[in-house]
């Protein structure tokens, strides 16, 4: 039973300790979100962000858990770390030194992690300087200056504060991954998104009480949300299993191999990276145009806002591109085929080596098409709901993908902890598979 599964969590001291440790560090993170950066008029900043809804600022604010609109010490959030990680992953393809480090095992991984940390600090300094300079030139819709005391003193203080905040978040994420439960970085993003949901739900009930939204519409919306979440869970758990057979080999007096297994290929191999990148690229012109008074720039920016047909088509096109691109970067069929060949494995009916690599690549290409269609549908539906049906709270597809995906991964880790100690998991039959 599900209830007994959850009850078993507290019967395992190590698992209980890990969960409490994770919750404690997430609590620290949420406290830091409300610690303001010195020299900011918070009222003017809040009114400015209300005007910037639907631009790249909105995306960054979502990933920072609302810290950006308050310009707290955690305003940059974990995005510099994610950007640095993605840049390092892309560079491993073109720089032989990084590729060698990637293949060196634990020591190589530690070195790449160190490079990622350095990259995070550098990106945080650049972004912090950009934010500080930009804020000095910004005013609220009422004309009030956002920065009370502009100058190099404010800039240096902002850069130092924001960089230290991002470094601290990075440390929190690494501690959660090492000593807690789940992936720390993902859980921090998860906590930021979930923390904004109570306010959105409260706003919905306020609209019902004032008559701006009827109860029937709320019920339909709730059913739709449950259906979308269920669909995401179903697809994220989906796999294409390629059968793999290992030949028997005799070493001394012992016989090894001979077992049958499979190579699991995820439908959505690229995860949430495509919609994040696609949104950032498309919304960049709209963000730039918001600071320019030229009429034709304004018209271009208006056409590239969520809900417009041009925006949706461009959004889907970018999602498809990044799905294939990121899958190609993170999954190399040639390496998989070579490893199978070295270990005496083969796909029945397929010659080992290049033929196997070509077969895996062909299957992966077909699966990625389905994954791209799935990600596009989940991400485009919310913007249509917001623009056409006036859904009163943030129902972001990217946010849903992150929340559901991280929840699946975390529950899968908890499940494995319980099963290894011979306790009943959350489900009696089968289990919960993480994405990784």
Protein backbone atom coordinates (compact mmCIF):
# COMPACT_ATOMS: atom_id res chain seq x y z
CA UNK A 1 0.00 0.00 0.00
CA UNK A 2 1.10 3.57 -0.68
CA UNK A 3 0.53 4.66 2.89
CA UNK A 4 2.70 1.94 4.34
CA UNK A 5 5.41 2.87 1.83
CA UNK A 6 5.57 6.42 3.12
CA UNK A 7 5.44 5.14 6.69
CA UNK A 8 8.60 3.12 6.07
CA UNK A 9 10.61 6.28 5.39
CA UNK A 10 10.93 7.01 9.09
CA UNK A 11 11.96 3.43 9.88
CA UNK A 12 15.28 3.92 8.09
CA UNK A 13 17.53 6.24 10.15
CA UNK A 14 19.85 7.13 7.25
CA UNK A 15 16.99 7.97 4.87
CA UNK A 16 15.20 9.97 7.57
CA UNK A 17 18.41 11.91 8.27
CA UNK A 18 18.95 12.63 4.56
CA UNK A 19 15.39 13.92 4.09
CA UNK A 20 15.55 16.19 7.16
CA UNK A 21 18.96 17.49 6.03
CA UNK A 22 17.56 18.28 2.59
CA UNK A 23 14.53 20.09 4.02
CA UNK A 24 16.76 22.12 6.37
CA UNK A 25 19.01 23.34 3.53
CA UNK A 26 15.99 24.16 1.33
CA UNK A 27 14.60 26.18 4.25
CA UNK A 28 17.90 28.11 4.42
CA UNK A 29 17.61 28.78 0.69
CA UNK A 30 14.06 30.15 1.04
CA UNK A 31 15.18 32.46 3.85
CA UNK A 32 17.96 33.85 1.65
CA UNK A 33 15.43 34.66 -1.10
CA UNK A 34 13.95 37.34 1.17
CA UNK A 35 17.28 38.99 2.17
CA UNK A 36 17.47 42.19 0.03
CA UNK A 37 20.48 43.63 -1.76
CA UNK A 38 21.41 47.10 -0.37
CA UNK A 39 20.52 50.28 -2.24
CA UNK A 40 17.28 49.16 -3.97
CA UNK A 41 13.81 50.73 -3.85
CA UNK A 42 11.81 47.49 -3.56
CA UNK A 43 8.46 49.16 -4.34
CA UNK A 44 9.75 50.64 -7.62
CA UNK A 45 11.40 47.31 -8.49
CA UNK A 46 8.15 45.38 -7.91
CA UNK A 47 6.19 47.70 -10.21
CA UNK A 48 8.92 47.39 -12.84
CA UNK A 49 8.70 43.59 -12.80
CA UNK A 50 4.93 43.74 -13.09
CA UNK A 51 5.52 45.55 -16.41
CA UNK A 52 8.23 43.06 -17.49
CA UNK A 53 5.99 39.99 -17.29
CA UNK A 54 6.42 37.83 -20.39
CA UNK A 55 10.05 38.83 -21.01
CA UNK A 56 13.30 37.03 -20.20
CA UNK A 57 13.15 38.63 -16.73
CA UNK A 58 10.05 36.52 -16.04
CA UNK A 59 11.94 33.31 -16.84
CA UNK A 60 14.91 34.21 -14.66
CA UNK A 61 12.56 35.25 -11.87
CA UNK A 62 10.82 31.86 -12.04
CA UNK A 63 14.11 29.96 -11.71
CA UNK A 64 15.22 32.19 -8.83
CA UNK A 65 12.02 31.47 -6.92
CA UNK A 66 10.92 35.14 -6.99
CA UNK A 67 14.32 36.37 -5.74
CA UNK A 68 15.01 38.48 -8.85
CA UNK A 69 11.90 40.66 -8.51
CA UNK A 70 13.01 41.44 -4.95
CA UNK A 71 16.69 41.65 -5.97
CA UNK A 72 17.66 39.57 -2.97
CA UNK A 73 21.14 38.13 -2.40
CA UNK A 74 19.93 35.04 -4.34
CA UNK A 75 18.63 37.10 -7.29
CA UNK A 76 20.80 35.31 -9.88
CA UNK A 77 19.56 31.98 -8.56
CA UNK A 78 21.23 28.84 -9.84
CA UNK A 79 21.08 29.86 -13.53
CA UNK A 80 24.83 30.80 -13.73
CA UNK A 81 25.69 27.28 -12.51
CA UNK A 82 23.33 25.68 -15.05
CA UNK A 83 24.74 27.87 -17.83
CA UNK A 84 28.33 27.00 -16.84
CA UNK A 85 27.47 23.28 -16.77
CA UNK A 86 25.90 23.42 -20.23
CA UNK A 87 28.85 25.40 -21.64
CA UNK A 88 31.30 22.82 -20.22
CA UNK A 89 29.23 19.99 -21.74
CA UNK A 90 29.30 21.68 -25.12
CA UNK A 91 33.04 22.39 -24.87
CA UNK A 92 33.81 18.72 -24.17
CA UNK A 93 32.78 18.03 -27.77
CA UNK A 94 35.28 20.50 -29.29
CA UNK A 95 38.16 20.59 -26.74
CA UNK A 96 40.16 17.33 -26.56
CA UNK A 97 41.48 18.06 -23.03
CA UNK A 98 37.95 18.24 -21.61
CA UNK A 99 36.94 15.12 -23.51
CA UNK A 100 39.88 13.24 -21.97
CA UNK A 101 38.87 14.47 -18.50
CA UNK A 102 35.32 13.27 -19.11
CA UNK A 103 36.61 9.76 -19.87
CA UNK A 104 39.02 9.61 -16.90
CA UNK A 105 36.37 8.59 -14.38
CA UNK A 106 36.06 10.07 -10.89
CA UNK A 107 39.19 12.27 -11.04
CA UNK A 108 38.18 13.73 -14.38
CA UNK A 109 34.67 14.40 -13.13
CA UNK A 110 36.04 16.28 -10.10
CA UNK A 111 38.20 18.42 -12.39
CA UNK A 112 35.24 19.28 -14.64
CA UNK A 113 33.17 20.10 -11.53
CA UNK A 114 35.93 22.50 -10.43
CA UNK A 115 35.94 24.16 -13.87
CA UNK A 116 32.14 24.48 -13.61
CA UNK A 117 32.50 26.29 -10.27
CA UNK A 118 35.01 28.75 -11.73
CA UNK A 119 32.69 29.31 -14.69
CA UNK A 120 29.76 29.92 -12.32
CA UNK A 121 31.67 32.64 -10.47
CA UNK A 122 32.77 34.32 -13.72
CA UNK A 123 29.22 34.29 -15.15
CA UNK A 124 27.84 35.57 -11.82
CA UNK A 125 30.26 38.52 -11.88
CA UNK A 126 29.31 39.37 -15.49
CA UNK A 127 25.56 39.04 -14.84
CA UNK A 128 25.82 40.93 -11.54
CA UNK A 129 27.60 43.83 -13.24
CA UNK A 130 25.03 43.82 -16.05
CA UNK A 131 22.13 43.89 -13.59
CA UNK A 132 23.67 46.67 -11.48
CA UNK A 133 24.35 48.90 -14.51
CA UNK A 134 20.94 48.14 -16.01
CA UNK A 135 19.08 48.91 -12.79
CA UNK A 136 20.73 52.34 -12.55
CA UNK A 137 19.05 53.28 -15.84
CA UNK A 138 15.65 51.79 -15.01
CA UNK A 139 12.63 53.47 -13.51
CA UNK A 140 9.26 52.21 -12.34
CA UNK A 141 6.13 52.94 -14.46
CA UNK A 142 5.54 55.89 -12.10
CA UNK A 143 8.99 57.36 -12.83
CA UNK A 144 10.68 56.42 -9.53
CA UNK A 145 14.37 55.46 -9.63
CA UNK A 146 14.96 51.78 -8.76
CA UNK A 147 18.52 52.44 -7.49
CA UNK A 148 18.59 54.98 -4.68
CA UNK A 149 22.35 55.69 -4.74
CA UNK A 150 23.81 54.88 -8.19
CA UNK A 151 27.54 54.71 -8.80
CA UNK A 152 30.50 52.35 -8.54
CA UNK A 153 29.86 51.76 -4.85
CA UNK A 154 26.43 50.30 -5.66
CA UNK A 155 27.80 48.32 -8.61
CA UNK A 156 30.63 46.69 -6.65
CA UNK A 157 28.34 45.92 -3.70
CA UNK A 158 25.74 44.36 -6.03
CA UNK A 159 28.32 42.24 -7.89
CA UNK A 160 29.87 41.02 -4.63
CA UNK A 161 26.48 40.27 -3.04
CA UNK A 162 24.97 38.46 -6.02
CA UNK A 163 28.14 36.45 -6.75
CA UNK A 164 28.39 35.36 -3.10
CA UNK A 165 24.70 34.44 -3.14
CA UNK A 166 25.06 32.26 -6.24
CA UNK A 167 28.19 30.59 -4.82
CA UNK A 168 26.28 29.83 -1.61
CA UNK A 169 23.35 28.35 -3.56
CA UNK A 170 25.82 26.21 -5.53
CA UNK A 171 27.31 24.98 -2.24
CA UNK A 172 23.81 24.21 -0.89
CA UNK A 173 23.01 22.20 -4.01
CA UNK A 174 26.22 20.18 -3.78
CA UNK A 175 25.61 19.47 -0.08
CA UNK A 176 22.08 18.26 -0.80
CA UNK A 177 23.33 15.97 -3.57
CA UNK A 178 26.10 14.56 -1.36
CA UNK A 179 24.41 14.32 2.04
CA UNK A 180 20.72 14.69 1.30
CA UNK A 181 18.25 13.05 -1.05
CA UNK A 182 17.81 13.87 -4.74
CA UNK A 183 19.74 16.20 -7.02
CA UNK A 184 20.50 19.40 -5.07
CA UNK A 185 20.47 21.85 -7.99
CA UNK A 186 17.20 20.45 -9.33
CA UNK A 187 15.60 20.55 -5.87
CA UNK A 188 16.56 24.21 -5.42
CA UNK A 189 14.82 25.10 -8.70
CA UNK A 190 11.91 22.87 -7.62
CA UNK A 191 11.62 24.69 -4.27
CA UNK A 192 11.64 28.08 -5.99
CA UNK A 193 8.79 27.13 -8.35
CA UNK A 194 6.69 25.37 -5.69
CA UNK A 195 7.09 28.30 -3.26
CA UNK A 196 5.18 30.55 -5.67
CA UNK A 197 2.22 28.20 -6.03
CA UNK A 198 0.37 29.08 -2.75
CA UNK A 199 0.17 32.75 -3.80
CA UNK A 200 -1.14 31.71 -7.23
CA UNK A 201 -3.78 29.45 -5.68
CA UNK A 202 -4.78 32.22 -3.24
CA UNK A 203 -5.17 34.60 -6.18
CA UNK A 204 -7.41 32.08 -7.93
CA UNK A 205 -9.73 31.80 -4.94
CA UNK A 206 -9.83 35.60 -4.73
CA UNK A 207 -10.98 35.75 -8.35
CA UNK A 208 -13.71 33.19 -7.61
CA UNK A 209 -14.91 35.18 -4.59
CA UNK A 210 -15.10 38.43 -6.61
CA UNK A 211 -16.94 36.72 -9.47
CA UNK A 212 -14.18 37.19 -12.07
CA UNK A 213 -13.93 33.40 -12.40
CA UNK A 214 -16.72 30.86 -11.95
CA UNK A 215 -16.49 27.56 -10.06
CA UNK A 216 -17.08 25.49 -13.22
CA UNK A 217 -14.08 27.09 -14.94
CA UNK A 218 -11.95 26.35 -11.88
CA UNK A 219 -13.01 22.67 -11.91
CA UNK A 220 -12.21 22.37 -15.63
CA UNK A 221 -8.81 23.97 -15.04
CA UNK A 222 -8.06 21.63 -12.13
CA UNK A 223 -9.00 18.54 -14.19
CA UNK A 224 -6.83 19.79 -17.05
CA UNK A 225 -3.85 20.33 -14.73
CA UNK A 226 -4.18 16.82 -13.28
CA UNK A 227 -4.41 15.37 -16.80
CA UNK A 228 -1.29 17.27 -17.95
CA UNK A 229 0.68 16.20 -14.87
CA UNK A 230 -0.40 12.58 -15.41
CA UNK A 231 0.65 12.80 -19.06
CA UNK A 232 4.07 14.21 -18.11
CA UNK A 233 4.62 11.41 -15.57
CA UNK A 234 3.61 8.79 -18.16
CA UNK A 235 5.98 10.10 -20.84
CA UNK A 236 8.91 10.81 -18.47
CA UNK A 237 8.72 7.18 -17.33
CA UNK A 238 8.56 5.92 -20.91
CA UNK A 239 11.52 4.03 -22.40
CA UNK A 240 12.44 2.36 -25.66
CA UNK A 241 14.31 -0.77 -24.64
CA UNK A 242 16.77 -2.13 -27.18
CA UNK A 243 17.57 -5.81 -26.40
CA UNK A 244 21.26 -6.53 -25.77
CA UNK A 245 22.80 -10.02 -25.58
CA UNK A 246 26.18 -10.70 -23.98
CA UNK A 247 28.15 -13.64 -25.34
CA UNK A 248 29.58 -16.28 -22.98
CA UNK A 249 33.30 -16.17 -22.38
CA UNK A 250 35.57 -18.46 -20.35
CA UNK A 251 38.26 -16.90 -18.13
CA UNK A 252 40.29 -19.60 -16.37
CA UNK A 253 37.78 -22.01 -14.89
CA UNK A 254 34.93 -19.52 -14.75
CA UNK A 255 32.33 -18.65 -17.35
CA UNK A 256 31.17 -15.05 -17.67
CA UNK A 257 28.37 -13.41 -19.62
CA UNK A 258 25.59 -15.09 -21.47
CA UNK A 259 22.88 -12.88 -19.96
CA UNK A 260 20.24 -10.87 -21.80
CA UNK A 261 19.64 -7.22 -20.90
CA UNK A 262 18.46 -4.05 -22.61
CA UNK A 263 19.64 -0.55 -23.47
CA UNK A 264 17.01 1.94 -22.17
CA UNK A 265 16.47 5.06 -24.28
CA UNK A 266 14.38 7.83 -22.75
CA UNK A 267 11.64 9.42 -24.84
CA UNK A 268 12.66 12.82 -23.50
CA UNK A 269 16.44 12.45 -23.40
CA UNK A 270 17.15 16.19 -23.28
CA UNK A 271 14.94 16.92 -20.24
CA UNK A 272 13.95 20.58 -19.67
CA UNK A 273 16.96 22.13 -21.44
CA UNK A 274 15.17 22.73 -24.82
CA UNK A 275 12.27 24.85 -23.48
CA UNK A 276 14.63 26.84 -21.20
CA UNK A 277 16.97 27.68 -24.07
CA UNK A 278 14.12 28.30 -26.53
CA UNK A 279 12.32 30.69 -24.16
CA UNK A 280 15.51 32.59 -23.38
CA UNK A 281 16.42 33.09 -27.06
CA UNK A 282 12.94 34.15 -28.19
CA UNK A 283 12.29 36.49 -25.27
CA UNK A 284 15.64 38.23 -25.57
CA UNK A 285 14.45 40.58 -28.41
CA UNK A 286 11.28 41.40 -26.43
CA UNK A 287 13.40 42.28 -23.41
CA UNK A 288 15.75 44.50 -25.43
CA UNK A 289 12.83 46.19 -27.18
CA UNK A 290 11.22 47.07 -23.85
CA UNK A 291 14.05 49.59 -23.32
CA UNK A 292 13.83 51.05 -26.88
CA UNK A 293 11.12 53.46 -28.02
CA UNK A 294 11.43 52.76 -31.79
CA UNK A 295 7.92 51.79 -33.13
CA UNK A 296 9.02 48.91 -35.39
CA UNK A 297 11.04 47.39 -32.55
CA UNK A 298 7.97 47.56 -30.34
CA UNK A 299 5.86 45.78 -32.99
CA UNK A 300 8.45 42.99 -33.32
CA UNK A 301 8.56 42.61 -29.53
CA UNK A 302 4.76 42.45 -29.35
CA UNK A 303 4.65 39.70 -32.00
CA UNK A 304 7.16 37.64 -29.97
CA UNK A 305 5.16 37.47 -26.77
CA UNK A 306 3.49 34.25 -25.52
CA UNK A 307 0.09 33.65 -27.09
CA UNK A 308 0.88 35.06 -30.56
CA UNK A 309 0.97 32.59 -33.45
CA UNK A 310 4.45 33.72 -34.60
CA UNK A 311 5.84 33.23 -31.10
CA UNK A 312 4.33 29.75 -30.72
CA UNK A 313 5.66 28.57 -34.11
CA UNK A 314 9.13 29.93 -33.38
CA UNK A 315 9.03 28.43 -29.90
CA UNK A 316 8.20 24.95 -31.24
CA UNK A 317 10.93 25.24 -33.91
CA UNK A 318 13.57 26.11 -31.29
CA UNK A 319 12.38 23.29 -29.00
CA UNK A 320 12.77 20.77 -31.84
CA UNK A 321 16.24 22.11 -32.63
CA UNK A 322 17.49 21.97 -29.03
CA UNK A 323 15.94 18.52 -28.44
CA UNK A 324 18.03 17.06 -31.27
CA UNK A 325 21.09 19.20 -30.51
CA UNK A 326 21.27 18.48 -26.79
CA UNK A 327 20.55 14.77 -27.32
CA UNK A 328 23.43 14.63 -29.80
CA UNK A 329 25.73 16.32 -27.27
CA UNK A 330 24.84 14.17 -24.25
CA UNK A 331 24.36 10.77 -25.94
CA UNK A 332 26.96 9.35 -28.32
CA UNK A 333 25.82 6.12 -30.08
CA UNK A 334 29.39 5.41 -31.25
CA UNK A 335 30.70 5.31 -27.65
CA UNK A 336 27.78 3.11 -26.56
CA UNK A 337 28.39 0.68 -29.43
CA UNK A 338 32.14 0.54 -28.70
CA UNK A 339 31.54 -0.18 -25.00
CA UNK A 340 29.09 -2.94 -25.90
CA UNK A 341 31.62 -4.46 -28.31
CA UNK A 342 34.43 -4.35 -25.73
CA UNK A 343 32.25 -6.16 -23.17
CA UNK A 344 31.09 -8.80 -25.63
CA UNK A 345 27.61 -7.35 -26.06
CA UNK A 346 25.57 -7.15 -29.26
CA UNK A 347 22.07 -6.37 -30.45
CA UNK A 348 20.45 -9.50 -31.93
CA UNK A 349 20.46 -9.30 -35.72
CA UNK A 350 22.83 -6.29 -35.79
CA UNK A 351 26.57 -6.55 -36.47
CA UNK A 352 28.70 -5.06 -33.61
CA UNK A 353 30.54 -1.81 -34.22
CA UNK A 354 29.43 0.73 -36.81
CA UNK A 355 26.20 -1.11 -37.70
CA UNK A 356 25.18 -1.10 -34.03
CA UNK A 357 25.99 2.63 -33.70
CA UNK A 358 23.92 3.40 -36.82
CA UNK A 359 21.00 1.34 -35.49
CA UNK A 360 21.05 3.07 -32.07
CA UNK A 361 21.31 6.47 -33.77
CA UNK A 362 18.33 5.66 -36.01
CA UNK A 363 16.17 4.54 -33.07
CA UNK A 364 17.26 7.56 -31.00
CA UNK A 365 16.39 9.95 -33.85
CA UNK A 366 12.86 8.54 -34.04
CA UNK A 367 12.41 8.69 -30.26
CA UNK A 368 13.71 12.25 -30.11
CA UNK A 369 11.03 13.28 -32.62
CA UNK A 370 8.35 11.97 -30.25
CA UNK A 371 10.09 13.64 -27.30
CA UNK A 372 10.21 16.99 -29.14
CA UNK A 373 6.49 16.78 -29.97
CA UNK A 374 5.72 15.96 -26.31
CA UNK A 375 7.83 18.84 -24.92
CA UNK A 376 6.33 21.28 -27.46
CA UNK A 377 2.76 20.28 -26.54
CA UNK A 378 3.38 20.62 -22.80
CA UNK A 379 5.06 24.03 -23.22
CA UNK A 380 2.70 25.57 -25.79
CA UNK A 381 -0.57 24.55 -24.08
CA UNK A 382 -0.04 26.78 -21.00
CA UNK A 383 0.70 29.92 -23.04
CA UNK A 384 -2.49 29.30 -25.07
CA UNK A 385 -4.44 28.92 -21.82
CA UNK A 386 -3.00 32.15 -20.43
CA UNK A 387 -3.52 34.25 -23.59
CA UNK A 388 -6.80 32.84 -24.95
CA UNK A 389 -8.66 31.67 -21.83
CA UNK A 390 -7.22 34.12 -19.26
CA UNK A 391 -5.96 31.49 -16.84
CA UNK A 392 -5.40 33.58 -13.70
CA UNK A 393 -2.16 32.05 -12.45
CA UNK A 394 1.15 30.87 -13.83
CA UNK A 395 0.66 27.51 -15.50
CA UNK A 396 4.04 27.23 -17.17
CA UNK A 397 4.94 24.11 -19.12
CA UNK A 398 8.63 24.45 -18.32
CA UNK A 399 7.82 24.80 -14.63
CA UNK A 400 5.57 21.73 -14.77
CA UNK A 401 8.25 19.66 -16.51
CA UNK A 402 10.79 20.63 -13.84
CA UNK A 403 8.46 20.03 -10.88
CA UNK A 404 7.20 16.65 -12.09
CA UNK A 405 10.62 15.47 -13.30
CA UNK A 406 12.41 16.39 -10.07
CA UNK A 407 9.62 14.82 -8.00
CA UNK A 408 9.96 11.56 -9.97
CA UNK A 409 13.75 11.50 -9.53
CA UNK A 410 13.56 12.23 -5.79
CA UNK A 411 10.87 9.63 -5.14
CA UNK A 412 12.89 7.10 -7.18
CA UNK A 413 15.91 7.66 -4.92
CA UNK A 414 13.80 7.25 -1.80
CA UNK A 415 12.30 4.10 -3.29
CA UNK A 416 15.75 2.62 -3.94
CA UNK A 417 16.84 3.39 -0.35
CA UNK A 418 13.85 1.49 1.02
CA UNK A 419 14.08 -1.45 -1.35
CA UNK A 420 17.79 -2.00 -0.67
CA UNK A 421 16.94 -2.32 3.02
CA UNK A 422 14.12 -4.76 2.29
CA UNK A 423 11.36 -2.29 3.07
CA UNK A 424 8.23 -1.92 1.00
CA UNK A 425 8.47 1.00 -1.44
CA UNK A 426 5.78 3.42 -2.51
CA UNK A 427 4.34 0.90 -4.94
CA UNK A 428 3.99 -2.85 -4.42
CA UNK A 429 4.27 -3.76 -8.06
CA UNK A 430 6.97 -2.22 -10.17
CA UNK A 431 8.84 0.81 -9.13
CA UNK A 432 9.44 4.39 -9.94
CA UNK A 433 12.19 5.03 -12.45
CA UNK A 434 14.17 8.18 -12.28
CA UNK A 435 15.09 10.08 -15.41
CA UNK A 436 18.84 9.62 -14.94
